[in-house]
Amino acid sequence: MDENKVISLAKNTNVKPGEPVDTPPSKRDNNGGGGNMNDKYVTHKEFNKAMGNIDKHFNNMNLQFEKINTKLEKQKSDIVFAILTITGAGVGFLSLLIAIIALLK
């Protein structure tokens, strides 16, 4: 471990747990990018990369929604088929009952 990169907790004894660490504006704005750039702005390359990642997530969500819609459409057609089958069987059974009752009279 590089000792130069380790931050000693003894230096921050005035900071209590749960309190934010106050950093000077020069640390927050990070003017190390040159010119007027700071952390409040991004480059086109960074923006396009972030937007590409967001697009990937939305494309994945769209695929998931399509899978769900396909399953729902299949279930809907299965339910319609089941209802028609039960109705047809019921009509056939009633027709048989009526024929039996007519023969017994």
N, C-alpha and C. Protein backbone atom coordinates (compact mmCIF):
# COMPACT_ATOMS: atom_id res chain seq x y z
N MET A 1 0.85 -1.17 0.00
CA MET A 1 0.00 0.00 0.00
C MET A 1 0.90 1.23 0.00
N ASP A 2 0.58 2.21 -0.80
CA ASP A 2 1.35 3.44 -0.88
C ASP A 2 0.98 4.34 0.28
N GLU A 3 1.93 4.60 1.15
CA GLU A 3 1.67 5.40 2.35
C GLU A 3 1.28 6.84 2.02
N ASN A 4 1.68 7.35 0.86
CA ASN A 4 1.36 8.72 0.48
C ASN A 4 -0.11 8.90 0.13
N LYS A 5 -0.79 7.83 -0.24
CA LYS A 5 -2.20 7.90 -0.64
C LYS A 5 -3.15 7.63 0.52
N VAL A 6 -2.64 7.25 1.66
CA VAL A 6 -3.49 6.94 2.81
C VAL A 6 -3.78 8.24 3.56
N ILE A 7 -5.05 8.48 3.83
CA ILE A 7 -5.44 9.67 4.59
C ILE A 7 -5.54 9.28 6.05
N SER A 8 -4.81 9.96 6.87
CA SER A 8 -4.82 9.67 8.29
C SER A 8 -6.10 10.20 8.91
N LEU A 9 -6.77 9.37 9.69
CA LEU A 9 -7.99 9.80 10.38
C LEU A 9 -7.67 10.74 11.53
N ALA A 10 -6.44 10.71 12.00
CA ALA A 10 -6.05 11.59 13.10
C ALA A 10 -6.13 13.05 12.69
N LYS A 11 -5.94 13.35 11.41
CA LYS A 11 -6.01 14.73 10.92
C LYS A 11 -7.44 15.26 10.96
N ASN A 12 -8.43 14.38 10.88
CA ASN A 12 -9.83 14.79 10.79
C ASN A 12 -10.57 14.55 12.10
N THR A 13 -9.92 14.78 13.22
CA THR A 13 -10.55 14.49 14.51
C THR A 13 -11.72 15.41 14.81
N ASN A 14 -11.81 16.57 14.16
CA ASN A 14 -12.92 17.49 14.42
C ASN A 14 -14.19 17.08 13.66
N VAL A 15 -14.13 16.08 12.80
CA VAL A 15 -15.29 15.62 12.04
C VAL A 15 -15.95 14.48 12.79
N LYS A 16 -17.23 14.66 13.07
CA LYS A 16 -17.98 13.64 13.80
C LYS A 16 -18.69 12.73 12.79
N PRO A 17 -18.97 11.49 13.15
CA PRO A 17 -19.68 10.58 12.24
C PRO A 17 -21.03 11.16 11.82
N GLY A 18 -21.33 11.08 10.55
CA GLY A 18 -22.60 11.56 10.03
C GLY A 18 -22.54 13.00 9.55
N GLU A 19 -21.48 13.73 9.86
CA GLU A 19 -21.34 15.11 9.40
C GLU A 19 -20.57 15.13 8.09
N PRO A 20 -20.97 16.01 7.16
CA PRO A 20 -20.23 16.09 5.91
C PRO A 20 -18.86 16.72 6.15
N VAL A 21 -17.90 16.28 5.35
CA VAL A 21 -16.57 16.85 5.43
C VAL A 21 -16.57 18.11 4.59
N ASP A 22 -16.21 19.23 5.19
CA ASP A 22 -16.20 20.50 4.47
C ASP A 22 -14.94 20.58 3.63
N THR A 23 -15.13 20.75 2.32
CA THR A 23 -13.98 20.89 1.43
C THR A 23 -13.98 22.29 0.85
N PRO A 24 -12.84 22.88 0.67
CA PRO A 24 -12.79 24.22 0.09
C PRO A 24 -13.28 24.20 -1.36
N PRO A 25 -13.81 25.32 -1.88
CA PRO A 25 -14.33 25.35 -3.26
C PRO A 25 -13.30 24.94 -4.29
N SER A 26 -12.04 25.22 -4.04
CA SER A 26 -11.02 24.84 -5.03
C SER A 26 -10.96 23.32 -5.17
N LYS A 27 -11.23 22.58 -4.11
CA LYS A 27 -11.24 21.12 -4.18
C LYS A 27 -12.51 20.62 -4.88
N ARG A 28 -13.66 21.27 -4.59
CA ARG A 28 -14.93 20.84 -5.19
C ARG A 28 -14.97 21.11 -6.68
N ASP A 29 -14.47 22.25 -7.11
CA ASP A 29 -14.58 22.63 -8.51
C ASP A 29 -13.53 21.98 -9.39
N ASN A 30 -12.42 21.55 -8.80
CA ASN A 30 -11.38 20.81 -9.52
C ASN A 30 -11.05 21.46 -10.87
N ASN A 31 -10.40 22.56 -10.84
CA ASN A 31 -10.03 23.26 -12.07
C ASN A 31 -8.81 22.66 -12.74
N GLY A 32 -8.55 21.40 -12.54
CA GLY A 32 -7.38 20.75 -13.13
C GLY A 32 -7.55 20.40 -14.59
N GLY A 33 -8.74 20.59 -15.17
CA GLY A 33 -8.96 20.22 -16.56
C GLY A 33 -8.43 21.24 -17.53
N GLY A 34 -7.97 22.36 -17.05
CA GLY A 34 -7.46 23.40 -17.93
C GLY A 34 -8.58 24.32 -18.37
N GLY A 35 -8.24 25.54 -18.69
CA GLY A 35 -9.23 26.51 -19.13
C GLY A 35 -10.25 26.77 -18.05
N ASN A 36 -11.50 26.92 -18.45
CA ASN A 36 -12.58 27.19 -17.51
C ASN A 36 -13.32 25.93 -17.08
N MET A 37 -12.81 24.75 -17.48
CA MET A 37 -13.49 23.51 -17.15
C MET A 37 -13.39 23.19 -15.66
N ASN A 38 -14.46 22.69 -15.10
CA ASN A 38 -14.45 22.18 -13.73
C ASN A 38 -15.44 21.03 -13.66
N ASP A 39 -15.68 20.49 -12.48
CA ASP A 39 -16.53 19.31 -12.35
C ASP A 39 -18.00 19.58 -12.66
N LYS A 40 -18.37 20.84 -12.84
CA LYS A 40 -19.77 21.15 -13.13
C LYS A 40 -20.11 20.89 -14.59
N TYR A 41 -19.11 20.66 -15.44
CA TYR A 41 -19.32 20.47 -16.86
C TYR A 41 -18.67 19.17 -17.31
N VAL A 42 -19.17 18.64 -18.42
CA VAL A 42 -18.57 17.43 -18.99
C VAL A 42 -18.18 17.71 -20.43
N THR A 43 -17.26 16.90 -20.93
CA THR A 43 -16.87 17.02 -22.34
C THR A 43 -17.89 16.28 -23.20
N HIS A 44 -17.82 16.51 -24.51
CA HIS A 44 -18.72 15.79 -25.42
C HIS A 44 -18.47 14.29 -25.33
N LYS A 45 -17.22 13.90 -25.21
CA LYS A 45 -16.88 12.48 -25.13
C LYS A 45 -17.51 11.85 -23.89
N GLU A 46 -17.40 12.52 -22.73
CA GLU A 46 -17.99 12.00 -21.49
C GLU A 46 -19.51 11.94 -21.60
N PHE A 47 -20.09 13.00 -22.19
CA PHE A 47 -21.55 13.06 -22.34
C PHE A 47 -22.04 11.93 -23.24
N ASN A 48 -21.37 11.75 -24.38
CA ASN A 48 -21.80 10.70 -25.32
C ASN A 48 -21.65 9.32 -24.71
N LYS A 49 -20.59 9.11 -23.92
CA LYS A 49 -20.42 7.82 -23.25
C LYS A 49 -21.54 7.57 -22.25
N ALA A 50 -21.87 8.60 -21.47
CA ALA A 50 -22.95 8.47 -20.49
C ALA A 50 -24.28 8.21 -21.19
N MET A 51 -24.54 8.93 -22.27
CA MET A 51 -25.80 8.74 -23.00
C MET A 51 -25.86 7.36 -23.63
N GLY A 52 -24.71 6.85 -24.09
CA GLY A 52 -24.66 5.49 -24.64
C GLY A 52 -25.03 4.46 -23.58
N ASN A 53 -24.53 4.67 -22.36
CA ASN A 53 -24.88 3.75 -21.27
C ASN A 53 -26.36 3.82 -20.94
N ILE A 54 -26.91 5.03 -20.95
CA ILE A 54 -28.35 5.19 -20.67
C ILE A 54 -29.16 4.52 -21.77
N ASP A 55 -28.74 4.70 -23.03
CA ASP A 55 -29.45 4.06 -24.15
C ASP A 55 -29.44 2.54 -24.02
N LYS A 56 -28.31 1.98 -23.58
CA LYS A 56 -28.23 0.52 -23.39
C LYS A 56 -29.26 0.06 -22.37
N HIS A 57 -29.41 0.84 -21.28
CA HIS A 57 -30.37 0.45 -20.25
C HIS A 57 -31.80 0.54 -20.78
N PHE A 58 -32.10 1.60 -21.54
CA PHE A 58 -33.45 1.72 -22.10
C PHE A 58 -33.72 0.63 -23.13
N ASN A 59 -32.73 0.28 -23.93
CA ASN A 59 -32.91 -0.81 -24.90
C ASN A 59 -33.18 -2.12 -24.18
N ASN A 60 -32.47 -2.36 -23.08
CA ASN A 60 -32.69 -3.57 -22.29
C ASN A 60 -34.11 -3.57 -21.71
N MET A 61 -34.55 -2.41 -21.22
CA MET A 61 -35.92 -2.32 -20.69
C MET A 61 -36.94 -2.59 -21.78
N ASN A 62 -36.71 -2.05 -22.98
CA ASN A 62 -37.64 -2.27 -24.09
C ASN A 62 -37.72 -3.75 -24.44
N LEU A 63 -36.59 -4.45 -24.43
CA LEU A 63 -36.60 -5.89 -24.69
C LEU A 63 -37.41 -6.64 -23.64
N GLN A 64 -37.25 -6.24 -22.38
CA GLN A 64 -38.01 -6.89 -21.30
C GLN A 64 -39.51 -6.65 -21.47
N PHE A 65 -39.89 -5.42 -21.84
CA PHE A 65 -41.31 -5.12 -22.06
C PHE A 65 -41.86 -5.92 -23.23
N GLU A 66 -41.08 -6.08 -24.29
CA GLU A 66 -41.52 -6.87 -25.43
C GLU A 66 -41.73 -8.33 -25.04
N LYS A 67 -40.84 -8.87 -24.21
CA LYS A 67 -41.01 -10.25 -23.74
C LYS A 67 -42.31 -10.38 -22.95
N ILE A 68 -42.56 -9.41 -22.07
CA ILE A 68 -43.78 -9.45 -21.25
C ILE A 68 -45.01 -9.34 -22.15
N ASN A 69 -44.98 -8.43 -23.13
CA ASN A 69 -46.13 -8.27 -24.03
C ASN A 69 -46.38 -9.54 -24.83
N THR A 70 -45.30 -10.20 -25.27
CA THR A 70 -45.45 -11.45 -26.01
C THR A 70 -46.10 -12.52 -25.14
N LYS A 71 -45.66 -12.61 -23.88
CA LYS A 71 -46.25 -13.59 -22.96
C LYS A 71 -47.72 -13.29 -22.71
N LEU A 72 -48.05 -12.00 -22.55
CA LEU A 72 -49.45 -11.64 -22.29
C LEU A 72 -50.33 -11.95 -23.50
N GLU A 73 -49.82 -11.69 -24.70
CA GLU A 73 -50.59 -12.01 -25.91
C GLU A 73 -50.83 -13.51 -26.02
N LYS A 74 -49.81 -14.31 -25.71
CA LYS A 74 -49.96 -15.76 -25.76
C LYS A 74 -50.99 -16.22 -24.72
N GLN A 75 -50.91 -15.64 -23.51
CA GLN A 75 -51.86 -16.02 -22.46
C GLN A 75 -53.28 -15.63 -22.88
N LYS A 76 -53.41 -14.46 -23.52
CA LYS A 76 -54.74 -14.03 -23.94
C LYS A 76 -55.31 -15.00 -24.96
N SER A 77 -54.51 -15.43 -25.92
CA SER A 77 -55.01 -16.37 -26.92
C SER A 77 -55.30 -17.73 -26.28
N ASP A 78 -54.50 -18.13 -25.29
CA ASP A 78 -54.77 -19.39 -24.58
C ASP A 78 -56.08 -19.32 -23.81
N ILE A 79 -56.35 -18.19 -23.19
CA ILE A 79 -57.60 -18.02 -22.43
C ILE A 79 -58.80 -18.07 -23.38
N VAL A 80 -58.70 -17.39 -24.51
CA VAL A 80 -59.79 -17.41 -25.49
C VAL A 80 -60.03 -18.84 -25.97
N PHE A 81 -58.95 -19.56 -26.25
CA PHE A 81 -59.08 -20.97 -26.70
C PHE A 81 -59.76 -21.81 -25.61
N ALA A 82 -59.37 -21.61 -24.35
CA ALA A 82 -59.96 -22.38 -23.25
C ALA A 82 -61.45 -22.07 -23.11
N ILE A 83 -61.80 -20.79 -23.22
CA ILE A 83 -63.22 -20.41 -23.10
C ILE A 83 -64.04 -21.03 -24.22
N LEU A 84 -63.51 -20.98 -25.45
CA LEU A 84 -64.24 -21.58 -26.58
C LEU A 84 -64.36 -23.09 -26.42
N THR A 85 -63.32 -23.73 -25.92
CA THR A 85 -63.36 -25.19 -25.72
C THR A 85 -64.39 -25.55 -24.66
N ILE A 86 -64.40 -24.83 -23.55
CA ILE A 86 -65.36 -25.11 -22.47
C ILE A 86 -66.78 -24.84 -22.95
N THR A 87 -66.97 -23.76 -23.70
CA THR A 87 -68.31 -23.43 -24.22
C THR A 87 -68.78 -24.53 -25.18
N GLY A 88 -67.88 -24.96 -26.06
CA GLY A 88 -68.24 -26.02 -27.01
C GLY A 88 -68.58 -27.32 -26.29
N ALA A 89 -67.80 -27.66 -25.27
CA ALA A 89 -68.08 -28.88 -24.51
C ALA A 89 -69.40 -28.75 -23.76
N GLY A 90 -69.66 -27.56 -23.23
CA GLY A 90 -70.93 -27.34 -22.51
C GLY A 90 -72.13 -27.46 -23.43
N VAL A 91 -72.02 -26.88 -24.61
CA VAL A 91 -73.12 -26.97 -25.59
C VAL A 91 -73.32 -28.43 -26.01
N GLY A 92 -72.25 -29.15 -26.23
CA GLY A 92 -72.36 -30.56 -26.61
C GLY A 92 -72.99 -31.38 -25.50
N PHE A 93 -72.62 -31.12 -24.26
CA PHE A 93 -73.18 -31.85 -23.12
C PHE A 93 -74.68 -31.54 -22.98
N LEU A 94 -75.04 -30.25 -23.12
CA LEU A 94 -76.47 -29.90 -23.03
C LEU A 94 -77.27 -30.55 -24.17
N SER A 95 -76.68 -30.58 -25.36
CA SER A 95 -77.36 -31.23 -26.49
C SER A 95 -77.58 -32.72 -26.20
N LEU A 96 -76.58 -33.37 -25.62
CA LEU A 96 -76.70 -34.77 -25.27
C LEU A 96 -77.79 -34.96 -24.21
N LEU A 97 -77.80 -34.10 -23.19
CA LEU A 97 -78.83 -34.19 -22.14
C LEU A 97 -80.23 -34.02 -22.73
N ILE A 98 -80.37 -33.05 -23.60
CA ILE A 98 -81.71 -32.81 -24.23
C ILE A 98 -82.11 -34.03 -25.06
N ALA A 99 -81.20 -34.63 -25.78
CA ALA A 99 -81.51 -35.81 -26.59
C ALA A 99 -81.92 -36.98 -25.71
N ILE A 100 -81.20 -37.15 -24.56
CA ILE A 100 -81.55 -38.25 -23.63
C ILE A 100 -82.92 -38.02 -23.02
N ILE A 101 -83.20 -36.79 -22.63
CA ILE A 101 -84.53 -36.49 -22.04
C ILE A 101 -85.64 -36.69 -23.09
N ALA A 102 -85.35 -36.33 -24.34
CA ALA A 102 -86.36 -36.50 -25.39
C ALA A 102 -86.62 -38.00 -25.65
N LEU A 103 -85.62 -38.84 -25.53
CA LEU A 103 -85.79 -40.28 -25.74
C LEU A 103 -86.56 -40.91 -24.59
N LEU A 104 -86.37 -40.39 -23.37
CA LEU A 104 -87.06 -40.96 -22.21
C LEU A 104 -88.53 -40.58 -22.15
N LYS A 105 -88.95 -39.60 -22.85
CA LYS A 105 -90.37 -39.20 -22.81
C LYS A 105 -91.23 -40.08 -23.60
